Amino acid sequence: MTRVNIHEAKTHLSRYLKRVARGETILLCKRNVPVAEIRPIAQNARRRPIGLAKGEFKIPKAFYNPLPQELLDYFEGKK
């Protein structure tokens, strides 16, 4: 496990991220005191198949109707 101070990590972030992508864990330190760990996340090896819920539910035609103006105003931050 590699120990890196925050300044060094900020300066060479891309370099350390490449190492993490290869499976290495980086211990992030503040004044040589460990504060965080940067490690790779597990990748999902299998893709989810499409259509698992086919026939389970029906989308009503009203789903495609325009939203009411009042609701649009909320989305746009006007209310």
C-alpha atoms as a PDB file:
ATOM      1  CA  MET A   1       0.000   0.000   0.000  1.00  0.00           C
ATOM      2  CA  THR A   2       1.374   3.377  -1.016  1.00  0.00           C
ATOM      3  CA  ARG A   3       1.221   6.300   1.425  1.00  0.00           C
ATOM      4  CA  VAL A   4       0.779   9.746  -0.140  1.00  0.00           C
ATOM      5  CA  ASN A   5       0.371  13.168   1.431  1.00  0.00           C
ATOM      6  CA  ILE A   6      -2.533  15.326   0.217  1.00  0.00           C
ATOM      7  CA  HIS A   7      -0.342  17.843  -1.625  1.00  0.00           C
ATOM      8  CA  GLU A   8       1.427  15.060  -3.532  1.00  0.00           C
ATOM      9  CA  ALA A   9      -1.916  13.422  -4.371  1.00  0.00           C
ATOM     10  CA  LYS A  10      -3.359  16.697  -5.693  1.00  0.00           C
ATOM     11  CA  THR A  11      -0.258  17.367  -7.759  1.00  0.00           C
ATOM     12  CA  HIS A  12      -0.156  13.904  -9.368  1.00  0.00           C
ATOM     13  CA  LEU A  13      -3.774  12.743  -9.114  1.00  0.00           C
ATOM     14  CA  SER A  14      -3.897  11.258 -12.623  1.00  0.00           C
ATOM     15  CA  ARG A  15      -0.769   9.211 -11.939  1.00  0.00           C
ATOM     16  CA  TYR A  16      -2.218   7.767  -8.721  1.00  0.00           C
ATOM     17  CA  LEU A  17      -5.596   7.048 -10.308  1.00  0.00           C
ATOM     18  CA  LYS A  18      -3.869   4.961 -12.980  1.00  0.00           C
ATOM     19  CA  ARG A  19      -2.234   2.926 -10.209  1.00  0.00           C
ATOM     20  CA  VAL A  20      -5.596   2.507  -8.461  1.00  0.00           C
ATOM     21  CA  ALA A  21      -7.163   1.363 -11.737  1.00  0.00           C
ATOM     22  CA  ARG A  22      -4.527  -1.380 -11.886  1.00  0.00           C
ATOM     23  CA  GLY A  23      -5.652  -2.593  -8.441  1.00  0.00           C
ATOM     24  CA  GLU A  24      -3.334  -0.753  -6.052  1.00  0.00           C
ATOM     25  CA  THR A  25      -4.618   0.907  -2.864  1.00  0.00           C
ATOM     26  CA  ILE A  26      -3.387   4.407  -1.967  1.00  0.00           C
ATOM     27  CA  LEU A  27      -3.374   5.606   1.650  1.00  0.00           C
ATOM     28  CA  LEU A  28      -4.027   9.361   1.709  1.00  0.00           C
ATOM     29  CA  CYS A  29      -2.316  11.184   4.586  1.00  0.00           C
ATOM     30  CA  LYS A  30      -2.464  14.642   6.101  1.00  0.00           C
ATOM     31  CA  ARG A  31       0.905  15.513   7.636  1.00  0.00           C
ATOM     32  CA  ASN A  32       1.820  11.816   7.493  1.00  0.00           C
ATOM     33  CA  VAL A  33      -1.316  10.814   9.433  1.00  0.00           C
ATOM     34  CA  PRO A  34      -3.623   8.511   7.436  1.00  0.00           C
ATOM     35  CA  VAL A  35      -7.051  10.047   6.781  1.00  0.00           C
ATOM     36  CA  ALA A  36      -8.450   8.173   3.782  1.00  0.00           C
ATOM     37  CA  GLU A  37      -7.952   5.251   1.486  1.00  0.00           C
ATOM     38  CA  ILE A  38      -8.317   5.323  -2.286  1.00  0.00           C
ATOM     39  CA  ARG A  39      -8.963   1.874  -3.691  1.00  0.00           C
ATOM     40  CA  PRO A  40     -10.510   0.366  -6.793  1.00  0.00           C
ATOM     41  CA  ILE A  41     -14.184  -0.474  -6.835  1.00  0.00           C
ATOM     42  CA  ALA A  42     -15.417  -3.880  -7.886  1.00  0.00           C
ATOM     43  CA  GLN A  43     -16.566  -3.927 -11.489  1.00  0.00           C
ATOM     44  CA  ASN A  44     -19.783  -5.722 -12.368  1.00  0.00           C
ATOM     45  CA  ALA A  45     -18.598  -8.537 -14.622  1.00  0.00           C
ATOM     46  CA  ARG A  46     -22.016  -9.388 -16.096  1.00  0.00           C
ATOM     47  CA  ARG A  47     -24.302  -7.019 -17.955  1.00  0.00           C
ATOM     48  CA  ARG A  48     -27.950  -7.083 -16.953  1.00  0.00           C
ATOM     49  CA  PRO A  49     -30.191  -8.601 -19.604  1.00  0.00           C
ATOM     50  CA  ILE A  50     -32.793  -6.337 -21.205  1.00  0.00           C
ATOM     51  CA  GLY A  51     -36.489  -7.097 -20.770  1.00  0.00           C
ATOM     52  CA  LEU A  52     -36.517  -8.860 -17.392  1.00  0.00           C
ATOM     53  CA  ALA A  53     -39.827  -7.207 -16.442  1.00  0.00           C
ATOM     54  CA  LYS A  54     -41.491  -7.571 -19.828  1.00  0.00           C
ATOM     55  CA  GLY A  55     -45.225  -8.059 -19.352  1.00  0.00           C
ATOM     56  CA  GLU A  56     -45.051  -7.304 -15.605  1.00  0.00           C
ATOM     57  CA  PHE A  57     -46.640  -3.851 -15.863  1.00  0.00           C
ATOM     58  CA  LYS A  58     -48.314  -1.568 -18.372  1.00  0.00           C
ATOM     59  CA  ILE A  59     -47.517   2.109 -18.843  1.00  0.00           C
ATOM     60  CA  PRO A  60     -50.753   4.106 -19.129  1.00  0.00           C
ATOM     61  CA  LYS A  61     -51.192   6.456 -22.110  1.00  0.00           C
ATOM     62  CA  ALA A  62     -51.513   9.388 -19.671  1.00  0.00           C
ATOM     63  CA  PHE A  63     -47.826   8.911 -18.812  1.00  0.00           C
ATOM     64  CA  TYR A  64     -46.932  10.633 -22.099  1.00  0.00           C
ATOM     65  CA  ASN A  65     -49.208  13.653 -21.536  1.00  0.00           C
ATOM     66  CA  PRO A  66     -47.482  17.006 -20.891  1.00  0.00           C
ATOM     67  CA  LEU A  67     -46.915  17.853 -17.235  1.00  0.00           C
ATOM     68  CA  PRO A  68     -49.136  20.508 -15.629  1.00  0.00           C
ATOM     69  CA  GLN A  69     -47.660  24.023 -15.724  1.00  0.00           C
ATOM     70  CA  GLU A  70     -47.572  24.193 -11.904  1.00  0.00           C
ATOM     71  CA  LEU A  71     -45.356  21.085 -11.734  1.00  0.00           C
ATOM     72  CA  LEU A  72     -43.106  22.409 -14.501  1.00  0.00           C
ATOM     73  CA  ASP A  73     -42.701  25.641 -12.522  1.00  0.00           C
ATOM     74  CA  TYR A  74     -41.430  23.611  -9.547  1.00  0.00           C
ATOM     75  CA  PHE A  75     -38.886  21.793 -11.740  1.00  0.00           C
ATOM     76  CA  GLU A  76     -37.689  25.081 -13.194  1.00  0.00           C
ATOM     77  CA  GLY A  77     -37.402  26.743  -9.779  1.00  0.00           C
ATOM     78  CA  LYS A  78     -40.122  29.310 -10.457  1.00  0.00           C
ATOM     79  CA  LYS A  79     -42.019  28.406  -7.276  1.00  0.00           C
END
